[in-house]
Amino acid sequence: MKEEKKNGYVIRAERTRKKILDAAREVFKENGFRNTTITLIAETAEVGYGTVYSHFNNGKDEVLMNIMEDIMDDFYQVASVAYTPTTKEDALKFTEKNISDFLELAIAHKEWLALFYKAFGHSEMVLTRWEEITERFIERISKNVDLVKERGLSRNSDYNSRIVAGSLYYPGEKFLWKIVLGNTTQDHTEIARNIAEIYNFGLYK
């Protein structure tokens, strides 16, 4: 009986949490990060002010971080595609498609990414979470670099995998922000092709 009650409580808590996050998406989109308040989120979700804090102790910063993580999971799925290339030519095609898919998601989530970018200037907590997400991407890409070295395909077997991974991720992130903020007129496929060619030339022998 206790287990049944516990499960019922967990289910209700999860529903309330989702309700809050759904409402927060609406409020953030309408008001931006700076003008969003827990009161607005609570009113939109039709829950108590304290209920929001019971799920998100750090207020709107934590709410936005949860939304950011959810959206960036789409990007991480791209980075998590199994690395199958066994030749330099196949690797170039794989990397180019990977970057192109990443930037396509930036276009699809442009409004949210712009909101995150603005939030960085107002919340150290949100910025720190973005940096943690970045590290997650670097770690994933570095595993692909390890595979290249293990297969004897790298130009230098002593390459530091994390540094090499950063040489792929950071240019992609730079152009992600350029696309989101409207600071480039270059097509995302052209960007992907150039980054992929430079990266693969340096990594593969």
C-alpha atoms as a PDB file:
ATOM      1  CA  MET A   1       0.000   0.000   0.000  1.00  0.00           C
ATOM      2  CA  LYS A   2       2.804   2.394   0.900  1.00  0.00           C
ATOM      3  CA  GLU A   3       4.516   1.629  -2.400  1.00  0.00           C
ATOM      4  CA  GLU A   4       1.285   2.327  -4.295  1.00  0.00           C
ATOM      5  CA  LYS A   5       0.875   5.659  -2.493  1.00  0.00           C
ATOM      6  CA  LYS A   6       4.484   6.529  -3.205  1.00  0.00           C
ATOM      7  CA  ASN A   7       4.063   5.753  -6.888  1.00  0.00           C
ATOM      8  CA  GLY A   8       0.926   7.865  -7.005  1.00  0.00           C
ATOM      9  CA  TYR A   9       2.790  10.750  -5.395  1.00  0.00           C
ATOM     10  CA  VAL A  10       5.672  10.425  -7.849  1.00  0.00           C
ATOM     11  CA  ILE A  11       3.273  10.406 -10.793  1.00  0.00           C
ATOM     12  CA  ARG A  12       1.505  13.535  -9.536  1.00  0.00           C
ATOM     13  CA  ALA A  13       4.838  15.246  -8.912  1.00  0.00           C
ATOM     14  CA  GLU A  14       6.021  14.445 -12.430  1.00  0.00           C
ATOM     15  CA  ARG A  15       2.788  15.785 -13.901  1.00  0.00           C
ATOM     16  CA  THR A  16       3.097  18.991 -11.898  1.00  0.00           C
ATOM     17  CA  ARG A  17       6.722  19.402 -12.929  1.00  0.00           C
ATOM     18  CA  LYS A  18       5.802  18.966 -16.596  1.00  0.00           C
ATOM     19  CA  LYS A  19       2.935  21.422 -16.190  1.00  0.00           C
ATOM     20  CA  ILE A  20       5.335  23.999 -14.771  1.00  0.00           C
ATOM     21  CA  LEU A  21       7.889  23.475 -17.539  1.00  0.00           C
ATOM     22  CA  ASP A  22       5.225  23.710 -20.252  1.00  0.00           C
ATOM     23  CA  ALA A  23       3.954  26.948 -18.736  1.00  0.00           C
ATOM     24  CA  ALA A  24       7.498  28.269 -18.380  1.00  0.00           C
ATOM     25  CA  ARG A  25       8.168  27.703 -22.069  1.00  0.00           C
ATOM     26  CA  GLU A  26       5.179  29.885 -22.861  1.00  0.00           C
ATOM     27  CA  VAL A  27       6.178  32.591 -20.375  1.00  0.00           C
ATOM     28  CA  PHE A  28       9.843  32.684 -21.388  1.00  0.00           C
ATOM     29  CA  LYS A  29       8.945  32.949 -25.071  1.00  0.00           C
ATOM     30  CA  GLU A  30       6.562  35.805 -24.388  1.00  0.00           C
ATOM     31  CA  ASN A  31       8.658  37.740 -21.866  1.00  0.00           C
ATOM     32  CA  GLY A  32      12.273  36.681 -22.307  1.00  0.00           C
ATOM     33  CA  PHE A  33      14.475  35.594 -19.424  1.00  0.00           C
ATOM     34  CA  ARG A  34      14.925  38.936 -17.700  1.00  0.00           C
ATOM     35  CA  ASN A  35      11.211  39.773 -17.472  1.00  0.00           C
ATOM     36  CA  THR A  36      10.038  36.290 -16.557  1.00  0.00           C
ATOM     37  CA  THR A  37       9.122  35.739 -12.912  1.00  0.00           C
ATOM     38  CA  ILE A  38       8.149  32.720 -10.865  1.00  0.00           C
ATOM     39  CA  THR A  39       4.809  34.430 -10.247  1.00  0.00           C
ATOM     40  CA  LEU A  40       4.094  34.525 -13.992  1.00  0.00           C
ATOM     41  CA  ILE A  41       5.112  30.887 -14.379  1.00  0.00           C
ATOM     42  CA  ALA A  42       2.956  29.824 -11.422  1.00  0.00           C
ATOM     43  CA  GLU A  43      -0.069  31.743 -12.704  1.00  0.00           C
ATOM     44  CA  THR A  44       0.281  30.282 -16.197  1.00  0.00           C
ATOM     45  CA  ALA A  45       0.732  26.760 -14.814  1.00  0.00           C
ATOM     46  CA  GLU A  46      -2.160  27.329 -12.377  1.00  0.00           C
ATOM     47  CA  VAL A  47      -0.104  26.166  -9.419  1.00  0.00           C
ATOM     48  CA  GLY A  48       1.032  27.876  -6.252  1.00  0.00           C
ATOM     49  CA  TYR A  49       4.130  30.074  -6.116  1.00  0.00           C
ATOM     50  CA  GLY A  50       5.668  27.725  -3.560  1.00  0.00           C
ATOM     51  CA  THR A  51       4.907  24.710  -5.739  1.00  0.00           C
ATOM     52  CA  VAL A  52       7.220  26.018  -8.433  1.00  0.00           C
ATOM     53  CA  TYR A  53      10.017  26.435  -5.900  1.00  0.00           C
ATOM     54  CA  SER A  54       9.394  22.966  -4.485  1.00  0.00           C
ATOM     55  CA  HIS A  55      10.300  21.578  -7.913  1.00  0.00           C
ATOM     56  CA  PHE A  56      12.916  24.181  -8.874  1.00  0.00           C
ATOM     57  CA  ASN A  57      14.783  25.419  -5.806  1.00  0.00           C
ATOM     58  CA  ASN A  58      16.835  27.953  -7.757  1.00  0.00           C
ATOM     59  CA  GLY A  59      13.842  29.647  -9.323  1.00  0.00           C
ATOM     60  CA  LYS A  60      13.574  30.694 -12.945  1.00  0.00           C
ATOM     61  CA  ASP A  61      17.280  30.025 -13.548  1.00  0.00           C
ATOM     62  CA  GLU A  62      16.789  26.341 -12.806  1.00  0.00           C
ATOM     63  CA  VAL A  63      13.567  26.227 -14.816  1.00  0.00           C
ATOM     64  CA  LEU A  64      15.357  27.616 -17.872  1.00  0.00           C
ATOM     65  CA  MET A  65      18.282  25.238 -17.371  1.00  0.00           C
ATOM     66  CA  ASN A  66      15.879  22.304 -17.540  1.00  0.00           C
ATOM     67  CA  ILE A  67      14.378  23.624 -20.769  1.00  0.00           C
ATOM     68  CA  MET A  68      17.867  24.208 -22.159  1.00  0.00           C
ATOM     69  CA  GLU A  69      18.959  20.666 -21.337  1.00  0.00           C
ATOM     70  CA  ASP A  70      15.829  19.264 -22.957  1.00  0.00           C
ATOM     71  CA  ILE A  71      16.414  21.203 -26.178  1.00  0.00           C
ATOM     72  CA  MET A  72      20.140  20.459 -26.254  1.00  0.00           C
ATOM     73  CA  ASP A  73      19.371  16.747 -25.972  1.00  0.00           C
ATOM     74  CA  ASP A  74      18.277  16.995 -29.620  1.00  0.00           C
ATOM     75  CA  PHE A  75      21.754  18.273 -30.476  1.00  0.00           C
ATOM     76  CA  TYR A  76      23.392  15.590 -28.371  1.00  0.00           C
ATOM     77  CA  GLN A  77      21.573  12.902 -30.333  1.00  0.00           C
ATOM     78  CA  VAL A  78      23.443  14.160 -33.396  1.00  0.00           C
ATOM     79  CA  ALA A  79      26.774  13.980 -31.566  1.00  0.00           C
ATOM     80  CA  SER A  80      25.927  10.488 -30.307  1.00  0.00           C
ATOM     81  CA  VAL A  81      25.497   8.884 -33.731  1.00  0.00           C
ATOM     82  CA  ALA A  82      27.764   5.821 -33.847  1.00  0.00           C
ATOM     83  CA  TYR A  83      31.105   6.648 -35.462  1.00  0.00           C
ATOM     84  CA  THR A  84      31.440   4.092 -38.268  1.00  0.00           C
ATOM     85  CA  PRO A  85      33.945   5.552 -40.806  1.00  0.00           C
ATOM     86  CA  THR A  86      36.979   3.400 -41.553  1.00  0.00           C
ATOM     87  CA  THR A  87      38.507   5.645 -44.227  1.00  0.00           C
ATOM     88  CA  LYS A  88      39.373   9.329 -44.468  1.00  0.00           C
ATOM     89  CA  GLU A  89      36.819   9.784 -47.247  1.00  0.00           C
ATOM     90  CA  ASP A  90      33.988   8.217 -45.245  1.00  0.00           C
ATOM     91  CA  ALA A  91      34.999  10.253 -42.204  1.00  0.00           C
ATOM     92  CA  LEU A  92      34.719  13.491 -44.172  1.00  0.00           C
ATOM     93  CA  LYS A  93      31.168  12.638 -45.271  1.00  0.00           C
ATOM     94  CA  PHE A  94      30.223  11.585 -41.744  1.00  0.00           C
ATOM     95  CA  THR A  95      31.636  14.716 -40.118  1.00  0.00           C
ATOM     96  CA  GLU A  96      30.132  17.063 -42.690  1.00  0.00           C
ATOM     97  CA  LYS A  97      26.670  15.540 -42.228  1.00  0.00           C
ATOM     98  CA  ASN A  98      27.068  15.638 -38.457  1.00  0.00           C
ATOM     99  CA  ILE A  99      27.912  19.345 -38.445  1.00  0.00           C
ATOM    100  CA  SER A 100      25.186  20.120 -40.977  1.00  0.00           C
ATOM    101  CA  ASP A 101      22.577  18.331 -38.846  1.00  0.00           C
ATOM    102  CA  PHE A 102      23.841  20.209 -35.777  1.00  0.00           C
ATOM    103  CA  LEU A 103      23.457  23.572 -37.506  1.00  0.00           C
ATOM    104  CA  GLU A 104      20.049  22.622 -38.906  1.00  0.00           C
ATOM    105  CA  LEU A 105      18.911  22.126 -35.327  1.00  0.00           C
ATOM    106  CA  ALA A 106      20.290  25.573 -34.500  1.00  0.00           C
ATOM    107  CA  ILE A 107      18.030  26.993 -37.196  1.00  0.00           C
ATOM    108  CA  ALA A 108      15.052  24.985 -35.933  1.00  0.00           C
ATOM    109  CA  HIS A 109      15.631  26.094 -32.315  1.00  0.00           C
ATOM    110  CA  LYS A 110      16.784  29.602 -33.192  1.00  0.00           C
ATOM    111  CA  GLU A 111      14.292  31.377 -30.922  1.00  0.00           C
ATOM    112  CA  TRP A 112      15.209  29.321 -27.870  1.00  0.00           C
ATOM    113  CA  LEU A 113      18.939  29.524 -28.448  1.00  0.00           C
ATOM    114  CA  ALA A 114      18.708  33.309 -28.741  1.00  0.00           C
ATOM    115  CA  LEU A 115      16.877  33.355 -25.414  1.00  0.00           C
ATOM    116  CA  PHE A 116      19.577  31.200 -23.801  1.00  0.00           C
ATOM    117  CA  TYR A 117      22.276  33.491 -25.177  1.00  0.00           C
ATOM    118  CA  LYS A 118      20.645  36.554 -23.632  1.00  0.00           C
ATOM    119  CA  ALA A 119      20.174  34.704 -20.345  1.00  0.00           C
ATOM    120  CA  PHE A 120      23.936  34.089 -20.126  1.00  0.00           C
ATOM    121  CA  GLY A 121      24.394  37.800 -19.459  1.00  0.00           C
ATOM    122  CA  HIS A 122      21.961  37.739 -16.534  1.00  0.00           C
ATOM    123  CA  SER A 123      22.524  34.359 -14.921  1.00  0.00           C
ATOM    124  CA  GLU A 124      25.879  32.858 -14.006  1.00  0.00           C
ATOM    125  CA  MET A 125      24.009  29.668 -13.208  1.00  0.00           C
ATOM    126  CA  VAL A 126      22.585  29.331 -16.721  1.00  0.00           C
ATOM    127  CA  LEU A 127      25.970  30.133 -18.283  1.00  0.00           C
ATOM    128  CA  THR A 128      27.672  27.518 -16.108  1.00  0.00           C
ATOM    129  CA  ARG A 129      25.118  24.919 -17.159  1.00  0.00           C
ATOM    130  CA  TRP A 130      25.811  25.730 -20.825  1.00  0.00           C
ATOM    131  CA  GLU A 131      29.517  25.193 -20.180  1.00  0.00           C
ATOM    132  CA  GLU A 132      28.693  21.824 -18.600  1.00  0.00           C
ATOM    133  CA  ILE A 133      26.658  20.893 -21.672  1.00  0.00           C
ATOM    134  CA  THR A 134      29.622  21.925 -23.838  1.00  0.00           C
ATOM    135  CA  GLU A 135      31.886  19.597 -21.860  1.00  0.00           C
ATOM    136  CA  ARG A 136      29.439  16.778 -22.499  1.00  0.00           C
ATOM    137  CA  PHE A 137      29.780  17.355 -26.246  1.00  0.00           C
ATOM    138  CA  ILE A 138      33.572  17.532 -26.036  1.00  0.00           C
ATOM    139  CA  GLU A 139      33.663  14.261 -24.119  1.00  0.00           C
ATOM    140  CA  ARG A 140      31.466  12.548 -26.712  1.00  0.00           C
ATOM    141  CA  ILE A 141      33.476  13.794 -29.691  1.00  0.00           C
ATOM    142  CA  SER A 142      36.743  12.830 -27.992  1.00  0.00           C
ATOM    143  CA  LYS A 143      35.561   9.207 -28.000  1.00  0.00           C
ATOM    144  CA  ASN A 144      35.333   9.390 -31.791  1.00  0.00           C
ATOM    145  CA  VAL A 145      38.881  10.739 -31.907  1.00  0.00           C
ATOM    146  CA  ASP A 146      39.974   7.810 -29.735  1.00  0.00           C
ATOM    147  CA  LEU A 147      38.440   5.434 -32.280  1.00  0.00           C
ATOM    148  CA  VAL A 148      40.324   7.110 -35.122  1.00  0.00           C
ATOM    149  CA  LYS A 149      43.590   6.666 -33.212  1.00  0.00           C
ATOM    150  CA  GLU A 150      42.785   3.056 -32.302  1.00  0.00           C
ATOM    151  CA  ARG A 151      42.170   2.259 -35.970  1.00  0.00           C
ATOM    152  CA  GLY A 152      45.562   3.695 -36.894  1.00  0.00           C
ATOM    153  CA  LEU A 153      44.026   6.406 -39.062  1.00  0.00           C
ATOM    154  CA  SER A 154      45.171   9.517 -37.195  1.00  0.00           C
ATOM    155  CA  ARG A 155      47.960  11.726 -38.484  1.00  0.00           C
ATOM    156  CA  ASN A 156      49.521  11.643 -35.017  1.00  0.00           C
ATOM    157  CA  SER A 157      48.789   8.906 -32.483  1.00  0.00           C
ATOM    158  CA  ASP A 158      49.834  11.254 -29.665  1.00  0.00           C
ATOM    159  CA  TYR A 159      47.036  13.747 -30.334  1.00  0.00           C
ATOM    160  CA  ASN A 160      45.151  14.794 -27.209  1.00  0.00           C
ATOM    161  CA  SER A 161      41.617  13.595 -27.965  1.00  0.00           C
ATOM    162  CA  ARG A 162      39.886  16.322 -25.964  1.00  0.00           C
ATOM    163  CA  ILE A 163      41.851  19.095 -27.649  1.00  0.00           C
ATOM    164  CA  VAL A 164      41.125  17.632 -31.082  1.00  0.00           C
ATOM    165  CA  ALA A 165      37.453  17.292 -30.129  1.00  0.00           C
ATOM    166  CA  GLY A 166      37.429  20.962 -29.178  1.00  0.00           C
ATOM    167  CA  SER A 167      38.854  21.886 -32.573  1.00  0.00           C
ATOM    168  CA  LEU A 168      35.676  20.430 -34.080  1.00  0.00           C
ATOM    169  CA  TYR A 169      33.118  21.533 -31.510  1.00  0.00           C
ATOM    170  CA  TYR A 170      34.106  25.151 -30.903  1.00  0.00           C
ATOM    171  CA  PRO A 171      34.011  26.323 -34.549  1.00  0.00           C
ATOM    172  CA  GLY A 172      30.608  24.647 -34.833  1.00  0.00           C
ATOM    173  CA  GLU A 173      29.400  26.402 -31.697  1.00  0.00           C
ATOM    174  CA  LYS A 174      30.773  29.728 -32.965  1.00  0.00           C
ATOM    175  CA  PHE A 175      28.773  29.441 -36.176  1.00  0.00           C
ATOM    176  CA  LEU A 176      25.752  28.218 -34.226  1.00  0.00           C
ATOM    177  CA  TRP A 177      25.660  31.584 -32.437  1.00  0.00           C
ATOM    178  CA  LYS A 178      26.291  33.474 -35.675  1.00  0.00           C
ATOM    179  CA  ILE A 179      23.284  31.735 -37.225  1.00  0.00           C
ATOM    180  CA  VAL A 180      21.096  32.266 -34.160  1.00  0.00           C
ATOM    181  CA  LEU A 181      21.998  35.951 -33.821  1.00  0.00           C
ATOM    182  CA  GLY A 182      21.743  36.626 -37.551  1.00  0.00           C
ATOM    183  CA  ASN A 183      25.434  37.474 -37.902  1.00  0.00           C
ATOM    184  CA  THR A 184      26.117  35.376 -40.991  1.00  0.00           C
ATOM    185  CA  THR A 185      24.577  34.979 -44.419  1.00  0.00           C
ATOM    186  CA  GLN A 186      26.525  31.803 -45.182  1.00  0.00           C
ATOM    187  CA  ASP A 187      24.548  28.642 -45.792  1.00  0.00           C
ATOM    188  CA  HIS A 188      24.876  26.105 -42.994  1.00  0.00           C
ATOM    189  CA  THR A 189      25.877  23.363 -45.450  1.00  0.00           C
ATOM    190  CA  GLU A 190      28.812  25.463 -46.672  1.00  0.00           C
ATOM    191  CA  ILE A 191      29.872  26.077 -43.081  1.00  0.00           C
ATOM    192  CA  ALA A 192      29.650  22.346 -42.349  1.00  0.00           C
ATOM    193  CA  ARG A 193      31.714  21.446 -45.411  1.00  0.00           C
ATOM    194  CA  ASN A 194      34.527  23.856 -44.559  1.00  0.00           C
ATOM    195  CA  ILE A 195      34.751  22.888 -40.883  1.00  0.00           C
ATOM    196  CA  ALA A 196      34.667  19.179 -41.755  1.00  0.00           C
ATOM    197  CA  GLU A 197      37.423  19.480 -44.363  1.00  0.00           C
ATOM    198  CA  ILE A 198      39.750  21.414 -42.061  1.00  0.00           C
ATOM    199  CA  TYR A 199      39.089  19.056 -39.139  1.00  0.00           C
ATOM    200  CA  ASN A 200      39.563  15.879 -41.139  1.00  0.00           C
ATOM    201  CA  PHE A 201      42.700  17.165 -42.864  1.00  0.00           C
ATOM    202  CA  GLY A 202      44.291  17.766 -39.475  1.00  0.00           C
ATOM    203  CA  LEU A 203      43.157  14.515 -37.853  1.00  0.00           C
ATOM    204  CA  TYR A 204      43.534  11.897 -40.591  1.00  0.00           C
ATOM    205  CA  LYS A 205      46.782  10.867 -42.230  1.00  0.00           C
END
